[in-house]
Amino acid sequence: MQKLILLIVATLFLCSGVALAVPAGKTMEFSDSPMGVVKFDGTLHKEAGNKCKDCHNSEMFPKMKQGTVKITMDEIYAGKLCGVCHNGKRAFDAQSNCARCHIKQ
């Protein structure tokens, strides 16, 4: 019986990491930018045809948890992290469209 309870608790713990991703219908806010709050909208990205693994991989965002990767505009402008898509070819250019992500409060 104890092994069954331990197995259930371990399964719930491991599955909780999936809940930290931003699925369609949810948003995540990054408020540490001096340029304004950045809201990541899971619905917009899903509608654009993106899958979680497109960004959540060993090269971009290995963990589906906010704060595990330091996101900087230098990295984005260099074509890394969000800049892999937001380069003006696949999605809007982050370098010339600041207000599309950064919302002044």
Protein backbone atom coordinates (compact mmCIF):
# COMPACT_ATOMS: atom_id res chain seq x y z
CA MET A 1 0.00 0.00 0.00
CA GLN A 2 2.84 2.41 0.83
CA LYS A 3 4.48 1.70 -2.51
CA LEU A 4 1.23 2.53 -4.31
CA ILE A 5 0.89 5.84 -2.45
CA LEU A 6 4.53 6.66 -3.15
CA LEU A 7 4.03 5.86 -6.84
CA ILE A 8 0.95 8.11 -7.03
CA VAL A 9 2.73 11.00 -5.28
CA ALA A 10 5.79 10.62 -7.53
CA THR A 11 3.60 10.58 -10.65
CA LEU A 12 1.75 13.71 -9.58
CA PHE A 13 5.04 15.46 -8.83
CA LEU A 14 6.53 14.58 -12.22
CA CYS A 15 3.38 15.63 -14.07
CA SER A 16 3.28 18.99 -12.29
CA GLY A 17 6.20 20.16 -14.45
CA VAL A 18 3.99 19.93 -17.53
CA ALA A 19 1.51 22.30 -15.89
CA LEU A 20 4.17 25.01 -15.81
CA ALA A 21 4.18 25.34 -19.60
CA VAL A 22 1.93 27.98 -21.18
CA PRO A 23 -0.77 26.12 -23.08
CA ALA A 24 -3.39 27.70 -25.31
CA GLY A 25 -5.73 29.87 -23.28
CA LYS A 26 -3.04 30.83 -20.77
CA THR A 27 -0.53 33.66 -20.53
CA MET A 28 2.69 34.14 -18.62
CA GLU A 29 3.94 37.56 -17.53
CA PHE A 30 7.55 38.64 -17.31
CA SER A 31 7.62 41.82 -15.24
CA ASP A 32 11.36 42.29 -14.74
CA SER A 33 11.91 44.28 -17.95
CA PRO A 34 12.53 48.03 -17.70
CA MET A 35 10.78 48.35 -21.09
CA GLY A 36 7.48 47.09 -19.66
CA VAL A 37 5.72 43.84 -18.89
CA VAL A 38 6.05 41.09 -21.48
CA LYS A 39 3.12 38.72 -21.80
CA PHE A 40 3.62 35.34 -23.45
CA ASP A 41 0.31 34.12 -24.87
CA GLY A 42 0.06 30.38 -25.40
CA THR A 43 -2.96 30.75 -27.70
CA LEU A 44 -1.17 33.08 -30.14
CA HIS A 45 1.78 30.73 -30.39
CA LYS A 46 -0.41 27.65 -30.86
CA GLU A 47 -2.45 29.40 -33.56
CA ALA A 48 0.83 30.19 -35.33
CA GLY A 49 1.43 26.44 -35.56
CA ASN A 50 4.00 26.13 -32.78
CA LYS A 51 4.38 23.07 -30.60
CA CYS A 52 5.85 23.18 -27.08
CA LYS A 53 8.97 21.32 -28.20
CA ASP A 54 9.70 24.01 -30.81
CA CYS A 55 10.96 26.19 -27.95
CA HIS A 56 11.24 23.81 -25.03
CA ASN A 57 14.33 21.90 -26.06
CA SER A 58 17.94 21.65 -24.92
CA GLU A 59 19.01 24.65 -27.02
CA MET A 60 16.37 27.22 -26.09
CA PHE A 61 14.24 26.67 -22.99
CA PRO A 62 15.14 23.23 -21.61
CA LYS A 63 12.79 23.43 -18.63
CA MET A 64 9.16 24.45 -18.73
CA LYS A 65 9.50 26.73 -15.75
CA GLN A 66 9.69 30.52 -15.64
CA GLY A 67 13.04 31.85 -14.50
CA THR A 68 15.19 28.91 -15.59
CA VAL A 69 16.64 30.83 -18.57
CA LYS A 70 17.79 34.45 -18.53
CA ILE A 71 16.14 36.15 -21.49
CA THR A 72 17.92 39.25 -22.79
CA MET A 73 17.31 41.37 -25.84
CA ASP A 74 20.94 40.82 -26.89
CA GLU A 75 20.23 37.08 -27.07
CA ILE A 76 17.00 37.65 -29.00
CA TYR A 77 18.67 40.07 -31.45
CA ALA A 78 21.42 37.46 -31.98
CA GLY A 79 18.77 34.99 -33.18
CA LYS A 80 18.65 32.97 -29.98
CA LEU A 81 15.74 32.16 -27.67
CA CYS A 82 12.65 34.08 -28.93
CA GLY A 83 14.79 35.50 -31.75
CA VAL A 84 14.87 32.10 -33.46
CA CYS A 85 11.38 32.93 -34.77
CA HIS A 86 11.02 36.65 -34.09
CA ASN A 87 13.50 37.65 -36.78
CA GLY A 88 11.19 39.21 -39.36
CA LYS A 89 11.07 36.03 -41.45
CA ARG A 90 9.09 33.47 -39.50
CA ALA A 91 7.42 35.98 -37.14
CA PHE A 92 7.55 39.72 -36.58
CA ASP A 93 11.00 41.19 -36.01
CA ALA A 94 11.55 41.72 -32.28
CA GLN A 95 14.18 44.38 -32.92
CA SER A 96 11.83 46.79 -34.67
CA ASN A 97 8.56 45.93 -32.91
CA CYS A 98 9.28 46.47 -29.19
CA ALA A 99 5.68 47.36 -28.32
CA ARG A 100 4.38 44.03 -29.64
CA CYS A 101 5.85 42.35 -26.55
CA HIS A 102 6.72 45.11 -24.08
CA ILE A 103 3.64 46.77 -22.59
CA LYS A 104 4.23 49.95 -20.58
CA GLN A 105 2.06 50.04 -17.46
